[in-house]
Amino acid sequence: MSITEAFENTSSYGVTYVSLGDTGLQFESEATIHLDDGSLLTLRMPTRQHEKMAIHDVICLQNGLCLAA
């Protein structure tokens, strides 16, 4: 199975983890694909800029936890 075929699979999803540390928000994103044999393939992915900004808005600006970007 190619990576393109894997992402065309309807059993795939992405997750972004966020932590707030001394240097600000830290992002880690991954994609998980449920393969035909029942196993899971997890790949680290770069976090999209628009996703970072949306998370920053919710966590920081609306809750007053960080400085504006």
PDB file of N, CA and C in Angstrom:
ATOM      1  N   MET A   1       0.855  -1.178   0.000  1.00  0.00           N
ATOM      2  CA  MET A   1       0.000   0.000   0.000  1.00  0.00           C
ATOM      3  C   MET A   1       0.895   1.233   0.000  1.00  0.00           C
ATOM      4  N   SER A   2       0.605   2.171  -0.893  1.00  0.00           N
ATOM      5  CA  SER A   2       1.371   3.420  -0.932  1.00  0.00           C
ATOM      6  C   SER A   2       0.818   4.380   0.111  1.00  0.00           C
ATOM      7  N   ILE A   3       1.584   5.410   0.435  1.00  0.00           N
ATOM      8  CA  ILE A   3       1.124   6.410   1.408  1.00  0.00           C
ATOM      9  C   ILE A   3      -0.110   7.139   0.892  1.00  0.00           C
ATOM     10  N   THR A   4      -0.186   7.347  -0.416  1.00  0.00           N
ATOM     11  CA  THR A   4      -1.363   7.995  -1.002  1.00  0.00           C
ATOM     12  C   THR A   4      -2.598   7.126  -0.803  1.00  0.00           C
ATOM     13  N   GLU A   5      -2.464   5.828  -1.053  1.00  0.00           N
ATOM     14  CA  GLU A   5      -3.584   4.910  -0.849  1.00  0.00           C
ATOM     15  C   GLU A   5      -3.991   4.866   0.618  1.00  0.00           C
ATOM     16  N   ALA A   6      -3.022   4.917   1.503  1.00  0.00           N
ATOM     17  CA  ALA A   6      -3.320   4.870   2.934  1.00  0.00           C
ATOM     18  C   ALA A   6      -4.149   6.073   3.370  1.00  0.00           C
ATOM     19  N   PHE A   7      -3.822   7.256   2.868  1.00  0.00           N
ATOM     20  CA  PHE A   7      -4.562   8.453   3.276  1.00  0.00           C
ATOM     21  C   PHE A   7      -5.917   8.566   2.591  1.00  0.00           C
ATOM     22  N   GLU A   8      -6.124   7.821   1.515  1.00  0.00           N
ATOM     23  CA  GLU A   8      -7.437   7.788   0.879  1.00  0.00           C
ATOM     24  C   GLU A   8      -8.392   6.910   1.674  1.00  0.00           C
ATOM     25  N   ASN A   9      -7.851   6.086   2.538  1.00  0.00           N
ATOM     26  CA  ASN A   9      -8.627   5.195   3.392  1.00  0.00           C
ATOM     27  C   ASN A   9      -9.489   6.046   4.334  1.00  0.00           C
ATOM     28  N   THR A  10     -10.744   5.690   4.487  1.00  0.00           N
ATOM     29  CA  THR A  10     -11.631   6.462   5.363  1.00  0.00           C
ATOM     30  C   THR A  10     -11.341   6.228   6.841  1.00  0.00           C
ATOM     31  N   SER A  11     -10.493   5.271   7.147  1.00  0.00           N
ATOM     32  CA  SER A  11     -10.160   4.975   8.539  1.00  0.00           C
ATOM     33  C   SER A  11      -8.842   5.634   8.931  1.00  0.00           C
ATOM     34  N   SER A  12      -8.696   6.888   8.606  1.00  0.00           N
ATOM     35  CA  SER A  12      -7.495   7.622   9.010  1.00  0.00           C
ATOM     36  C   SER A  12      -7.922   8.900   9.716  1.00  0.00           C
ATOM     37  N   TYR A  13      -7.086   9.361  10.623  1.00  0.00           N
ATOM     38  CA  TYR A  13      -7.399  10.588  11.353  1.00  0.00           C
ATOM     39  C   TYR A  13      -6.111  11.231  11.829  1.00  0.00           C
ATOM     40  N   GLY A  14      -6.203  12.482  12.191  1.00  0.00           N
ATOM     41  CA  GLY A  14      -5.060  13.216  12.707  1.00  0.00           C
ATOM     42  C   GLY A  14      -5.312  13.689  14.118  1.00  0.00           C
ATOM     43  N   VAL A  15      -4.241  13.788  14.880  1.00  0.00           N
ATOM     44  CA  VAL A  15      -4.313  14.248  16.268  1.00  0.00           C
ATOM     45  C   VAL A  15      -3.185  15.244  16.489  1.00  0.00           C
ATOM     46  N   THR A  16      -3.491  16.319  17.179  1.00  0.00           N
ATOM     47  CA  THR A  16      -2.462  17.288  17.562  1.00  0.00           C
ATOM     48  C   THR A  16      -2.446  17.394  19.082  1.00  0.00           C
ATOM     49  N   TYR A  17      -1.271  17.234  19.643  1.00  0.00           N
ATOM     50  CA  TYR A  17      -1.062  17.376  21.088  1.00  0.00           C
ATOM     51  C   TYR A  17      -0.425  18.734  21.327  1.00  0.00           C
ATOM     52  N   VAL A  18      -0.866  19.420  22.371  1.00  0.00           N
ATOM     53  CA  VAL A  18      -0.333  20.738  22.700  1.00  0.00           C
ATOM     54  C   VAL A  18       0.034  20.768  24.172  1.00  0.00           C
ATOM     55  N   SER A  19       1.207  21.313  24.465  1.00  0.00           N
ATOM     56  CA  SER A  19       1.599  21.523  25.854  1.00  0.00           C
ATOM     57  C   SER A  19       2.057  22.972  25.999  1.00  0.00           C
ATOM     58  N   LEU A  20       1.860  23.503  27.183  1.00  0.00           N
ATOM     59  CA  LEU A  20       2.257  24.878  27.478  1.00  0.00           C
ATOM     60  C   LEU A  20       3.445  24.822  28.419  1.00  0.00           C
ATOM     61  N   GLY A  21       4.578  25.273  27.928  1.00  0.00           N
ATOM     62  CA  GLY A  21       5.801  25.256  28.717  1.00  0.00           C
ATOM     63  C   GLY A  21       6.353  26.652  28.908  1.00  0.00           C
ATOM     64  N   ASP A  22       7.576  26.725  29.423  1.00  0.00           N
ATOM     65  CA  ASP A  22       8.223  28.013  29.674  1.00  0.00           C
ATOM     66  C   ASP A  22       8.433  28.828  28.400  1.00  0.00           C
ATOM     67  N   THR A  23       8.548  28.137  27.272  1.00  0.00           N
ATOM     68  CA  THR A  23       8.802  28.822  25.995  1.00  0.00           C
ATOM     69  C   THR A  23       7.540  28.999  25.168  1.00  0.00           C
ATOM     70  N   GLY A  24       6.382  28.719  25.733  1.00  0.00           N
ATOM     71  CA  GLY A  24       5.121  28.886  25.012  1.00  0.00           C
ATOM     72  C   GLY A  24       4.513  27.546  24.646  1.00  0.00           C
ATOM     73  N   LEU A  25       3.647  27.567  23.640  1.00  0.00           N
ATOM     74  CA  LEU A  25       2.966  26.355  23.211  1.00  0.00           C
ATOM     75  C   LEU A  25       3.891  25.466  22.390  1.00  0.00           C
ATOM     76  N   GLN A  26       3.833  24.181  22.659  1.00  0.00           N
ATOM     77  CA  GLN A  26       4.583  23.185  21.900  1.00  0.00           C
ATOM     78  C   GLN A  26       3.567  22.269  21.214  1.00  0.00           C
ATOM     79  N   PHE A  27       3.746  22.048  19.915  1.00  0.00           N
ATOM     80  CA  PHE A  27       2.805  21.265  19.125  1.00  0.00           C
ATOM     81  C   PHE A  27       3.453  19.974  18.624  1.00  0.00           C
ATOM     82  N   GLU A  28       2.706  18.887  18.656  1.00  0.00           N
ATOM     83  CA  GLU A  28       3.105  17.616  18.053  1.00  0.00           C
ATOM     84  C   GLU A  28       1.873  17.057  17.360  1.00  0.00           C
ATOM     85  N   SER A  29       1.994  16.759  16.069  1.00  0.00           N
ATOM     86  CA  SER A  29       0.865  16.218  15.313  1.00  0.00           C
ATOM     87  C   SER A  29       1.240  14.860  14.733  1.00  0.00           C
ATOM     88  N   GLU A  30       0.239  14.018  14.616  1.00  0.00           N
ATOM     89  CA  GLU A  30       0.462  12.723  13.993  1.00  0.00           C
ATOM     90  C   GLU A  30      -0.800  12.292  13.252  1.00  0.00           C
ATOM     91  N   ALA A  31      -0.594  11.470  12.247  1.00  0.00           N
ATOM     92  CA  ALA A  31      -1.691  10.870  11.501  1.00  0.00           C
ATOM     93  C   ALA A  31      -1.694   9.381  11.814  1.00  0.00           C
ATOM     94  N   THR A  32      -2.869   8.829  11.997  1.00  0.00           N
ATOM     95  CA  THR A  32      -3.002   7.407  12.255  1.00  0.00           C
ATOM     96  C   THR A  32      -3.906   6.800  11.197  1.00  0.00           C
ATOM     97  N   ILE A  33      -3.459   5.688  10.646  1.00  0.00           N
ATOM     98  CA  ILE A  33      -4.190   5.008   9.582  1.00  0.00           C
ATOM     99  C   ILE A  33      -4.489   3.594  10.042  1.00  0.00           C
ATOM    100  N   HIS A  34      -5.751   3.215   9.960  1.00  0.00           N
ATOM    101  CA  HIS A  34      -6.153   1.853  10.291  1.00  0.00           C
ATOM    102  C   HIS A  34      -5.997   1.024   9.035  1.00  0.00           C
ATOM    103  N   LEU A  35      -5.054   0.094   9.033  1.00  0.00           N
ATOM    104  CA  LEU A  35      -4.745  -0.714   7.852  1.00  0.00           C
ATOM    105  C   LEU A  35      -5.711  -1.887   7.703  1.00  0.00           C
ATOM    106  N   ASP A  36      -5.749  -2.425   6.493  1.00  0.00           N
ATOM    107  CA  ASP A  36      -6.666  -3.527   6.186  1.00  0.00           C
ATOM    108  C   ASP A  36      -6.438  -4.754   7.061  1.00  0.00           C
ATOM    109  N   ASP A  37      -5.209  -4.964   7.525  1.00  0.00           N
ATOM    110  CA  ASP A  37      -4.924  -6.141   8.363  1.00  0.00           C
ATOM    111  C   ASP A  37      -5.274  -5.908   9.839  1.00  0.00           C
ATOM    112  N   GLY A  38      -5.834  -4.744  10.150  1.00  0.00           N
ATOM    113  CA  GLY A  38      -6.252  -4.436  11.519  1.00  0.00           C
ATOM    114  C   GLY A  38      -5.233  -3.669  12.328  1.00  0.00           C
ATOM    115  N   SER A  39      -4.031  -3.528  11.815  1.00  0.00           N
ATOM    116  CA  SER A  39      -2.993  -2.802  12.553  1.00  0.00           C
ATOM    117  C   SER A  39      -3.132  -1.295  12.314  1.00  0.00           C
ATOM    118  N   LEU A  40      -2.425  -0.528  13.125  1.00  0.00           N
ATOM    119  CA  LEU A  40      -2.414   0.928  13.000  1.00  0.00           C
ATOM    120  C   LEU A  40      -1.034   1.399  12.583  1.00  0.00           C
ATOM    121  N   LEU A  41      -1.003   2.351  11.681  1.00  0.00           N
ATOM    122  CA  LEU A  41       0.232   2.992  11.258  1.00  0.00           C
ATOM    123  C   LEU A  41       0.164   4.434  11.736  1.00  0.00           C
ATOM    124  N   THR A  42       1.117   4.845  12.564  1.00  0.00           N
ATOM    125  CA  THR A  42       1.140   6.213  13.092  1.00  0.00           C
ATOM    126  C   THR A  42       2.361   6.931  12.537  1.00  0.00           C
ATOM    127  N   LEU A  43       2.124   8.115  11.985  1.00  0.00           N
ATOM    128  CA  LEU A  43       3.177   8.921  11.375  1.00  0.00           C
ATOM    129  C   LEU A  43       3.207  10.293  12.011  1.00  0.00           C
ATOM    130  N   ARG A  44       4.388  10.767  12.351  1.00  0.00           N
ATOM    131  CA  ARG A  44       4.526  12.148  12.825  1.00  0.00           C
ATOM    132  C   ARG A  44       4.341  13.076  11.637  1.00  0.00           C
ATOM    133  N   MET A  45       3.605  14.146  11.855  1.00  0.00           N
ATOM    134  CA  MET A  45       3.326  15.099  10.783  1.00  0.00           C
ATOM    135  C   MET A  45       3.595  16.503  11.298  1.00  0.00           C
ATOM    136  N   PRO A  46       3.989  17.415  10.417  1.00  0.00           N
ATOM    137  CA  PRO A  46       4.108  18.804  10.859  1.00  0.00           C
ATOM    138  C   PRO A  46       2.719  19.358  11.165  1.00  0.00           C
ATOM    139  N   THR A  47       2.633  20.184  12.189  1.00  0.00           N
ATOM    140  CA  THR A  47       1.365  20.820  12.535  1.00  0.00           C
ATOM    141  C   THR A  47       1.140  21.980  11.571  1.00  0.00           C
ATOM    142  N   ARG A  48      -0.024  22.021  10.974  1.00  0.00           N
ATOM    143  CA  ARG A  48      -0.350  23.080  10.015  1.00  0.00           C
ATOM    144  C   ARG A  48      -0.434  24.424  10.731  1.00  0.00           C
ATOM    145  N   GLN A  49       0.034  25.469  10.061  1.00  0.00           N
ATOM    146  CA  GLN A  49       0.076  26.800  10.660  1.00  0.00           C
ATOM    147  C   GLN A  49      -1.315  27.283  11.080  1.00  0.00           C
ATOM    148  N   HIS A  50      -2.323  27.055  10.230  1.00  0.00           N
ATOM    149  CA  HIS A  50      -3.668  27.520  10.599  1.00  0.00           C
ATOM    150  C   HIS A  50      -4.197  26.782  11.827  1.00  0.00           C
ATOM    151  N   GLU A  51      -3.786  25.525  12.002  1.00  0.00           N
ATOM    152  CA  GLU A  51      -4.187  24.774  13.186  1.00  0.00           C
ATOM    153  C   GLU A  51      -3.492  25.332  14.428  1.00  0.00           C
ATOM    154  N   LYS A  52      -2.205  25.657  14.306  1.00  0.00           N
ATOM    155  CA  LYS A  52      -1.478  26.268  15.423  1.00  0.00           C
ATOM    156  C   LYS A  52      -2.136  27.573  15.848  1.00  0.00           C
ATOM    157  N   MET A  53      -2.497  28.391  14.866  1.00  0.00           N
ATOM    158  CA  MET A  53      -3.095  29.692  15.187  1.00  0.00           C
ATOM    159  C   MET A  53      -4.467  29.529  15.838  1.00  0.00           C
ATOM    160  N   ALA A  54      -5.266  28.570  15.370  1.00  0.00           N
ATOM    161  CA  ALA A  54      -6.584  28.337  15.962  1.00  0.00           C
ATOM    162  C   ALA A  54      -6.452  27.859  17.408  1.00  0.00           C
ATOM    163  N   ILE A  55      -5.512  26.950  17.655  1.00  0.00           N
ATOM    164  CA  ILE A  55      -5.282  26.461  19.015  1.00  0.00           C
ATOM    165  C   ILE A  55      -4.754  27.587  19.894  1.00  0.00           C
ATOM    166  N   HIS A  56      -3.829  28.374  19.368  1.00  0.00           N
ATOM    167  CA  HIS A  56      -3.290  29.524  20.099  1.00  0.00           C
ATOM    168  C   HIS A  56      -4.416  30.465  20.501  1.00  0.00           C
ATOM    169  N   ASP A  57      -5.346  30.715  19.587  1.00  0.00           N
ATOM    170  CA  ASP A  57      -6.460  31.615  19.870  1.00  0.00           C
ATOM    171  C   ASP A  57      -7.305  31.092  21.023  1.00  0.00           C
ATOM    172  N   VAL A  58      -7.641  29.822  20.999  1.00  0.00           N
ATOM    173  CA  VAL A  58      -8.490  29.239  22.044  1.00  0.00           C
ATOM    174  C   VAL A  58      -7.776  29.198  23.388  1.00  0.00           C
ATOM    175  N   ILE A  59      -6.539  28.706  23.391  1.00  0.00           N
ATOM    176  CA  ILE A  59      -5.825  28.510  24.658  1.00  0.00           C
ATOM    177  C   ILE A  59      -5.297  29.808  25.228  1.00  0.00           C
ATOM    178  N   CYS A  60      -4.660  30.595  24.388  1.00  0.00           N
ATOM    179  CA  CYS A  60      -3.950  31.769  24.876  1.00  0.00           C
ATOM    180  C   CYS A  60      -4.800  33.030  24.932  1.00  0.00           C
ATOM    181  N   LEU A  61      -5.313  33.433  23.800  1.00  0.00           N
ATOM    182  CA  LEU A  61      -5.991  34.720  23.750  1.00  0.00           C
ATOM    183  C   LEU A  61      -7.310  34.705  24.517  1.00  0.00           C
ATOM    184  N   GLN A  62      -8.113  33.670  24.367  1.00  0.00           N
ATOM    185  CA  GLN A  62      -9.408  33.632  25.060  1.00  0.00           C
ATOM    186  C   GLN A  62      -9.273  33.407  26.553  1.00  0.00           C
ATOM    187  N   ASN A  63      -8.177  32.775  26.974  1.00  0.00           N
ATOM    188  CA  ASN A  63      -7.987  32.474  28.393  1.00  0.00           C
ATOM    189  C   ASN A  63      -6.911  33.327  29.052  1.00  0.00           C
ATOM    190  N   GLY A  64      -6.271  34.209  28.284  1.00  0.00           N
ATOM    191  CA  GLY A  64      -5.265  35.105  28.824  1.00  0.00           C
ATOM    192  C   GLY A  64      -4.019  34.407  29.322  1.00  0.00           C
ATOM    193  N   LEU A  65      -3.651  33.267  28.719  1.00  0.00           N
ATOM    194  CA  LEU A  65      -2.496  32.502  29.199  1.00  0.00           C
ATOM    195  C   LEU A  65      -1.196  32.868  28.517  1.00  0.00           C
ATOM    196  N   CYS A  66      -1.247  33.481  27.336  1.00  0.00           N
ATOM    197  CA  CYS A  66      -0.032  33.791  26.585  1.00  0.00           C
ATOM    198  C   CYS A  66      -0.150  35.199  26.002  1.00  0.00           C
ATOM    199  N   LEU A  67       0.961  35.669  25.488  1.00  0.00           N
ATOM    200  CA  LEU A  67       0.951  36.939  24.776  1.00  0.00           C
ATOM    201  C   LEU A  67       0.383  36.736  23.388  1.00  0.00           C
ATOM    202  N   ALA A  68      -0.159  37.773  22.792  1.00  0.00           N
ATOM    203  CA  ALA A  68      -0.711  37.693  21.431  1.00  0.00           C
ATOM    204  C   ALA A  68       0.416  37.367  20.445  1.00  0.00           C
ATOM    205  N   ALA A  69       0.052  36.649  19.388  1.00  0.00           N
ATOM    206  CA  ALA A  69       1.018  36.293  18.346  1.00  0.00           C
ATOM    207  C   ALA A  69       1.289  37.471  17.440  1.00  0.00           C
TER     208      ALA A  69
END
